[in-house]
Amino acid sequence: MPEELICITCPLGCRLSVERLPAGGLSVSGNRCTRGARYAEEELLAPKRVVTATCRALPADRCRVPVRTAAPFPKDRVEELIRVLYSLEVRLPVKRGDVLVPDALGTGIPVIATRTLD
């Protein structure tokens, strides 16, 4: 039975029907552009998400520092990354865009601050 997705890469929101082929590939239909096929393949074979969280700010009486991954991160490792980020302590001041973790869990994806805090 085919899997159904709604493509989110453009405003058309195509309803995709995806069948897994015996050879390991995918057959995608319902897409009105090539981005739909790419989206379905990535979503079903190697899903990724931009991860947002907060980290402890030092001095400890201050607010938390909002952070995010600078690029989509492998979905199957998000929980592991969240644990790392929640244990991270960031010394203030920090500026929006500062790289706080240059290589999150060895993926090459940096984690950056999303707000300037003095």
N, C-alpha and C. Protein backbone atom coordinates (compact mmCIF):
# COMPACT_ATOMS: atom_id res chain seq x y z
N MET A 1 0.85 -1.18 0.00
CA MET A 1 0.00 0.00 0.00
C MET A 1 0.89 1.25 0.00
N PRO A 2 0.59 2.22 -0.82
CA PRO A 2 1.43 3.42 -0.89
C PRO A 2 1.30 4.29 0.35
N GLU A 3 2.40 4.96 0.66
CA GLU A 3 2.40 5.93 1.76
C GLU A 3 2.01 7.27 1.17
N GLU A 4 1.31 8.09 1.97
CA GLU A 4 0.89 9.39 1.49
C GLU A 4 1.55 10.49 2.30
N LEU A 5 2.02 11.52 1.59
CA LEU A 5 2.66 12.68 2.21
C LEU A 5 2.09 13.93 1.57
N ILE A 6 2.19 15.03 2.28
CA ILE A 6 1.90 16.33 1.68
C ILE A 6 3.22 17.05 1.59
N CYS A 7 3.59 17.43 0.39
CA CYS A 7 4.87 18.10 0.16
C CYS A 7 4.82 19.51 0.75
N ILE A 8 5.89 19.89 1.45
CA ILE A 8 5.94 21.20 2.10
C ILE A 8 7.04 22.09 1.52
N THR A 9 7.58 21.73 0.37
CA THR A 9 8.69 22.51 -0.19
C THR A 9 8.26 23.74 -0.97
N CYS A 10 7.00 23.83 -1.35
CA CYS A 10 6.51 25.02 -2.05
C CYS A 10 5.04 25.23 -1.69
N PRO A 11 4.44 26.34 -2.07
CA PRO A 11 3.05 26.63 -1.69
C PRO A 11 2.00 25.70 -2.31
N LEU A 12 2.35 24.90 -3.31
CA LEU A 12 1.35 24.04 -3.94
C LEU A 12 0.81 22.97 -3.00
N GLY A 13 1.64 22.45 -2.10
CA GLY A 13 1.19 21.43 -1.13
C GLY A 13 0.68 20.17 -1.81
N CYS A 14 1.43 19.65 -2.74
CA CYS A 14 1.00 18.46 -3.49
C CYS A 14 0.80 17.26 -2.57
N ARG A 15 -0.22 16.48 -2.88
CA ARG A 15 -0.44 15.21 -2.17
C ARG A 15 0.37 14.14 -2.90
N LEU A 16 1.35 13.61 -2.21
CA LEU A 16 2.25 12.64 -2.81
C LEU A 16 1.83 11.23 -2.43
N SER A 17 1.93 10.33 -3.37
CA SER A 17 1.72 8.92 -3.13
C SER A 17 3.07 8.24 -3.40
N VAL A 18 3.57 7.52 -2.40
CA VAL A 18 4.92 6.97 -2.50
C VAL A 18 4.87 5.46 -2.29
N GLU A 19 5.42 4.74 -3.26
CA GLU A 19 5.52 3.29 -3.13
C GLU A 19 6.99 2.91 -3.05
N ARG A 20 7.29 2.00 -2.13
CA ARG A 20 8.66 1.49 -2.01
C ARG A 20 8.85 0.37 -3.03
N LEU A 21 9.90 0.47 -3.79
CA LEU A 21 10.19 -0.52 -4.83
C LEU A 21 11.02 -1.66 -4.26
N PRO A 22 10.87 -2.87 -4.80
CA PRO A 22 11.64 -4.02 -4.30
C PRO A 22 13.15 -3.80 -4.35
N ALA A 23 13.62 -3.02 -5.31
CA ALA A 23 15.05 -2.77 -5.44
C ALA A 23 15.57 -1.78 -4.40
N GLY A 24 14.67 -1.23 -3.58
CA GLY A 24 15.09 -0.31 -2.53
C GLY A 24 14.81 1.15 -2.82
N GLY A 25 14.38 1.47 -4.01
CA GLY A 25 14.08 2.86 -4.36
C GLY A 25 12.63 3.21 -4.05
N LEU A 26 12.22 4.38 -4.53
CA LEU A 26 10.85 4.85 -4.32
C LEU A 26 10.24 5.25 -5.65
N SER A 27 8.93 5.08 -5.74
CA SER A 27 8.17 5.59 -6.87
C SER A 27 7.24 6.65 -6.32
N VAL A 28 7.41 7.90 -6.78
CA VAL A 28 6.64 9.03 -6.26
C VAL A 28 5.70 9.53 -7.34
N SER A 29 4.44 9.72 -6.98
CA SER A 29 3.48 10.32 -7.91
C SER A 29 2.68 11.39 -7.18
N GLY A 30 2.05 12.26 -7.95
CA GLY A 30 1.24 13.33 -7.37
C GLY A 30 1.99 14.65 -7.27
N ASN A 31 3.30 14.62 -7.48
CA ASN A 31 4.09 15.85 -7.40
C ASN A 31 3.98 16.62 -8.71
N ARG A 32 3.84 17.95 -8.60
CA ARG A 32 3.76 18.79 -9.78
C ARG A 32 5.10 19.44 -10.13
N CYS A 33 6.13 19.17 -9.32
CA CYS A 33 7.47 19.65 -9.64
C CYS A 33 8.49 18.64 -9.12
N THR A 34 9.74 18.80 -9.51
CA THR A 34 10.77 17.84 -9.11
C THR A 34 11.08 17.90 -7.62
N ARG A 35 10.79 19.04 -6.99
CA ARG A 35 11.07 19.15 -5.56
C ARG A 35 10.24 18.17 -4.74
N GLY A 36 9.04 17.85 -5.22
CA GLY A 36 8.18 16.91 -4.51
C GLY A 36 8.80 15.52 -4.41
N ALA A 37 9.39 15.06 -5.50
CA ALA A 37 10.04 13.75 -5.49
C ALA A 37 11.23 13.75 -4.55
N ARG A 38 12.03 14.82 -4.58
CA ARG A 38 13.18 14.92 -3.68
C ARG A 38 12.72 14.95 -2.22
N TYR A 39 11.66 15.71 -1.94
CA TYR A 39 11.13 15.80 -0.58
C TYR A 39 10.70 14.42 -0.08
N ALA A 40 9.95 13.68 -0.89
CA ALA A 40 9.48 12.35 -0.48
C ALA A 40 10.64 11.41 -0.21
N GLU A 41 11.64 11.44 -1.08
CA GLU A 41 12.79 10.55 -0.88
C GLU A 41 13.51 10.88 0.42
N GLU A 42 13.75 12.16 0.67
CA GLU A 42 14.45 12.52 1.90
C GLU A 42 13.60 12.22 3.13
N GLU A 43 12.33 12.52 3.07
CA GLU A 43 11.46 12.32 4.22
C GLU A 43 11.32 10.85 4.60
N LEU A 44 11.32 9.98 3.62
CA LEU A 44 11.15 8.55 3.91
C LEU A 44 12.46 7.80 4.09
N LEU A 45 13.53 8.25 3.43
CA LEU A 45 14.80 7.52 3.51
C LEU A 45 15.80 8.12 4.50
N ALA A 46 15.80 9.43 4.67
CA ALA A 46 16.75 10.09 5.57
C ALA A 46 16.14 11.39 6.11
N PRO A 47 15.11 11.28 6.96
CA PRO A 47 14.43 12.49 7.44
C PRO A 47 15.34 13.36 8.31
N LYS A 48 15.16 14.68 8.16
CA LYS A 48 15.95 15.65 8.93
C LYS A 48 15.02 16.74 9.44
N ARG A 49 15.43 17.39 10.53
CA ARG A 49 14.67 18.49 11.10
C ARG A 49 15.63 19.55 11.63
N VAL A 50 15.21 20.82 11.59
CA VAL A 50 15.94 21.86 12.29
C VAL A 50 15.55 21.72 13.75
N VAL A 51 16.54 21.65 14.63
CA VAL A 51 16.30 21.43 16.06
C VAL A 51 16.43 22.76 16.79
N THR A 52 15.44 23.08 17.61
CA THR A 52 15.50 24.27 18.46
C THR A 52 15.43 23.83 19.92
N ALA A 53 16.13 24.56 20.77
CA ALA A 53 16.16 24.24 22.20
C ALA A 53 16.65 25.47 22.96
N THR A 54 16.85 25.29 24.25
CA THR A 54 17.48 26.33 25.06
C THR A 54 18.59 25.70 25.88
N CYS A 55 19.61 26.51 26.20
CA CYS A 55 20.75 26.08 27.01
C CYS A 55 20.82 26.95 28.25
N ARG A 56 21.41 26.42 29.29
CA ARG A 56 21.61 27.16 30.52
C ARG A 56 22.58 28.31 30.30
N ALA A 57 22.24 29.47 30.81
CA ALA A 57 23.11 30.65 30.69
C ALA A 57 23.90 30.81 31.99
N LEU A 58 25.16 31.21 31.87
CA LEU A 58 25.97 31.52 33.04
C LEU A 58 26.28 33.00 33.03
N PRO A 59 26.10 33.76 34.08
CA PRO A 59 25.77 33.29 35.42
C PRO A 59 24.37 32.66 35.48
N ALA A 60 24.23 31.70 36.41
CA ALA A 60 23.06 30.84 36.48
C ALA A 60 21.76 31.57 36.79
N ASP A 61 21.81 32.76 37.32
CA ASP A 61 20.57 33.47 37.65
C ASP A 61 19.95 34.15 36.43
N ARG A 62 20.59 34.02 35.28
CA ARG A 62 20.10 34.65 34.05
C ARG A 62 19.14 33.72 33.32
N CYS A 63 18.55 34.22 32.25
CA CYS A 63 17.62 33.42 31.45
C CYS A 63 18.36 32.33 30.68
N ARG A 64 17.60 31.54 29.94
CA ARG A 64 18.20 30.51 29.11
C ARG A 64 18.50 31.07 27.73
N VAL A 65 19.46 30.47 27.04
CA VAL A 65 19.89 30.93 25.72
C VAL A 65 19.17 30.09 24.65
N PRO A 66 18.38 30.72 23.78
CA PRO A 66 17.73 29.95 22.71
C PRO A 66 18.75 29.61 21.62
N VAL A 67 18.69 28.37 21.13
CA VAL A 67 19.63 27.88 20.13
C VAL A 67 18.88 27.09 19.06
N ARG A 68 19.56 26.87 17.92
CA ARG A 68 19.02 26.00 16.88
C ARG A 68 20.17 25.44 16.06
N THR A 69 19.89 24.37 15.36
CA THR A 69 20.88 23.85 14.43
C THR A 69 20.91 24.77 13.21
N ALA A 70 22.07 24.97 12.64
CA ALA A 70 22.22 25.86 11.48
C ALA A 70 21.73 25.20 10.19
N ALA A 71 21.46 23.91 10.24
CA ALA A 71 20.97 23.16 9.08
C ALA A 71 20.11 22.01 9.60
N PRO A 72 19.31 21.41 8.75
CA PRO A 72 18.54 20.25 9.20
C PRO A 72 19.44 19.14 9.74
N PHE A 73 18.98 18.51 10.81
CA PHE A 73 19.74 17.51 11.56
C PHE A 73 19.04 16.16 11.42
N PRO A 74 19.79 15.04 11.38
CA PRO A 74 19.15 13.72 11.24
C PRO A 74 18.11 13.47 12.33
N LYS A 75 16.89 13.17 11.91
CA LYS A 75 15.77 13.03 12.83
C LYS A 75 15.99 11.93 13.87
N ASP A 76 16.65 10.85 13.49
CA ASP A 76 16.86 9.75 14.43
C ASP A 76 17.86 10.08 15.54
N ARG A 77 18.54 11.23 15.46
CA ARG A 77 19.50 11.62 16.50
C ARG A 77 19.07 12.88 17.26
N VAL A 78 17.86 13.36 17.00
CA VAL A 78 17.38 14.59 17.64
C VAL A 78 17.34 14.45 19.16
N GLU A 79 16.82 13.36 19.67
CA GLU A 79 16.72 13.18 21.12
C GLU A 79 18.10 13.23 21.78
N GLU A 80 19.07 12.62 21.17
CA GLU A 80 20.45 12.64 21.68
C GLU A 80 21.00 14.07 21.69
N LEU A 81 20.74 14.82 20.63
CA LEU A 81 21.20 16.21 20.56
C LEU A 81 20.51 17.07 21.63
N ILE A 82 19.23 16.87 21.84
CA ILE A 82 18.51 17.64 22.86
C ILE A 82 19.14 17.43 24.23
N ARG A 83 19.50 16.20 24.56
CA ARG A 83 20.15 15.92 25.85
C ARG A 83 21.45 16.71 25.97
N VAL A 84 22.23 16.75 24.89
CA VAL A 84 23.49 17.51 24.91
C VAL A 84 23.21 18.99 25.09
N LEU A 85 22.25 19.52 24.37
CA LEU A 85 21.95 20.96 24.45
C LEU A 85 21.42 21.35 25.82
N TYR A 86 20.58 20.53 26.42
CA TYR A 86 20.05 20.85 27.75
C TYR A 86 21.13 20.80 28.83
N SER A 87 22.21 20.08 28.58
CA SER A 87 23.30 20.03 29.56
C SER A 87 24.37 21.10 29.29
N LEU A 88 24.28 21.77 28.16
CA LEU A 88 25.26 22.79 27.78
C LEU A 88 25.09 24.06 28.61
N GLU A 89 26.21 24.62 29.07
CA GLU A 89 26.19 25.89 29.80
C GLU A 89 26.91 26.93 28.95
N VAL A 90 26.22 28.05 28.69
CA VAL A 90 26.75 29.09 27.81
C VAL A 90 27.06 30.33 28.64
N ARG A 91 28.31 30.77 28.58
CA ARG A 91 28.72 31.96 29.31
C ARG A 91 28.30 33.20 28.53
N LEU A 92 27.60 34.09 29.21
CA LEU A 92 27.16 35.35 28.60
C LEU A 92 28.29 36.35 28.64
N PRO A 93 28.37 37.30 27.73
CA PRO A 93 27.39 37.61 26.70
C PRO A 93 27.51 36.68 25.50
N VAL A 94 26.41 36.58 24.76
CA VAL A 94 26.37 35.79 23.53
C VAL A 94 25.60 36.61 22.49
N LYS A 95 26.03 36.51 21.24
CA LYS A 95 25.36 37.24 20.16
C LYS A 95 24.62 36.27 19.25
N ARG A 96 23.52 36.73 18.69
CA ARG A 96 22.77 35.92 17.75
C ARG A 96 23.70 35.50 16.61
N GLY A 97 23.69 34.22 16.31
CA GLY A 97 24.56 33.69 15.26
C GLY A 97 25.86 33.11 15.76
N ASP A 98 26.21 33.36 17.04
CA ASP A 98 27.43 32.76 17.60
C ASP A 98 27.32 31.24 17.54
N VAL A 99 28.39 30.59 17.11
CA VAL A 99 28.42 29.13 17.07
C VAL A 99 28.75 28.63 18.48
N LEU A 100 27.83 27.88 19.06
CA LEU A 100 28.02 27.36 20.41
C LEU A 100 28.51 25.92 20.40
N VAL A 101 28.12 25.17 19.39
CA VAL A 101 28.61 23.80 19.20
C VAL A 101 28.98 23.70 17.71
N PRO A 102 30.27 23.63 17.39
CA PRO A 102 30.67 23.67 15.97
C PRO A 102 30.33 22.41 15.18
N ASP A 103 30.26 21.26 15.84
CA ASP A 103 30.07 19.99 15.14
C ASP A 103 29.17 19.10 16.00
N ALA A 104 27.87 19.32 15.94
CA ALA A 104 26.93 18.61 16.80
C ALA A 104 26.95 17.11 16.54
N LEU A 105 27.38 16.36 17.53
CA LEU A 105 27.43 14.90 17.50
C LEU A 105 28.16 14.35 16.28
N GLY A 106 29.17 15.08 15.82
CA GLY A 106 29.99 14.61 14.71
C GLY A 106 29.31 14.68 13.35
N THR A 107 28.23 15.44 13.23
CA THR A 107 27.51 15.54 11.96
C THR A 107 28.03 16.66 11.08
N GLY A 108 28.85 17.55 11.64
CA GLY A 108 29.31 18.70 10.89
C GLY A 108 28.32 19.86 10.91
N ILE A 109 27.22 19.69 11.61
CA ILE A 109 26.19 20.72 11.69
C ILE A 109 26.40 21.54 12.95
N PRO A 110 26.57 22.86 12.82
CA PRO A 110 26.76 23.69 14.01
C PRO A 110 25.44 24.02 14.70
N VAL A 111 25.55 24.30 15.99
CA VAL A 111 24.42 24.81 16.78
C VAL A 111 24.74 26.26 17.08
N ILE A 112 23.78 27.16 16.78
CA ILE A 112 24.02 28.59 16.94
C ILE A 112 23.02 29.21 17.91
N ALA A 113 23.43 30.33 18.52
CA ALA A 113 22.53 31.11 19.35
C ALA A 113 21.56 31.85 18.45
N THR A 114 20.30 31.97 18.89
CA THR A 114 19.31 32.66 18.06
C THR A 114 18.88 34.00 18.67
N ARG A 115 19.55 34.41 19.75
CA ARG A 115 19.23 35.68 20.37
C ARG A 115 20.49 36.26 21.01
N THR A 116 20.62 37.58 20.99
CA THR A 116 21.73 38.25 21.66
C THR A 116 21.33 38.48 23.11
N LEU A 117 22.20 38.05 24.02
CA LEU A 117 21.98 38.24 25.46
C LEU A 117 23.26 38.80 26.06
N ASP A 118 23.10 39.87 26.86
CA ASP A 118 24.26 40.48 27.52
C ASP A 118 24.50 39.92 28.90
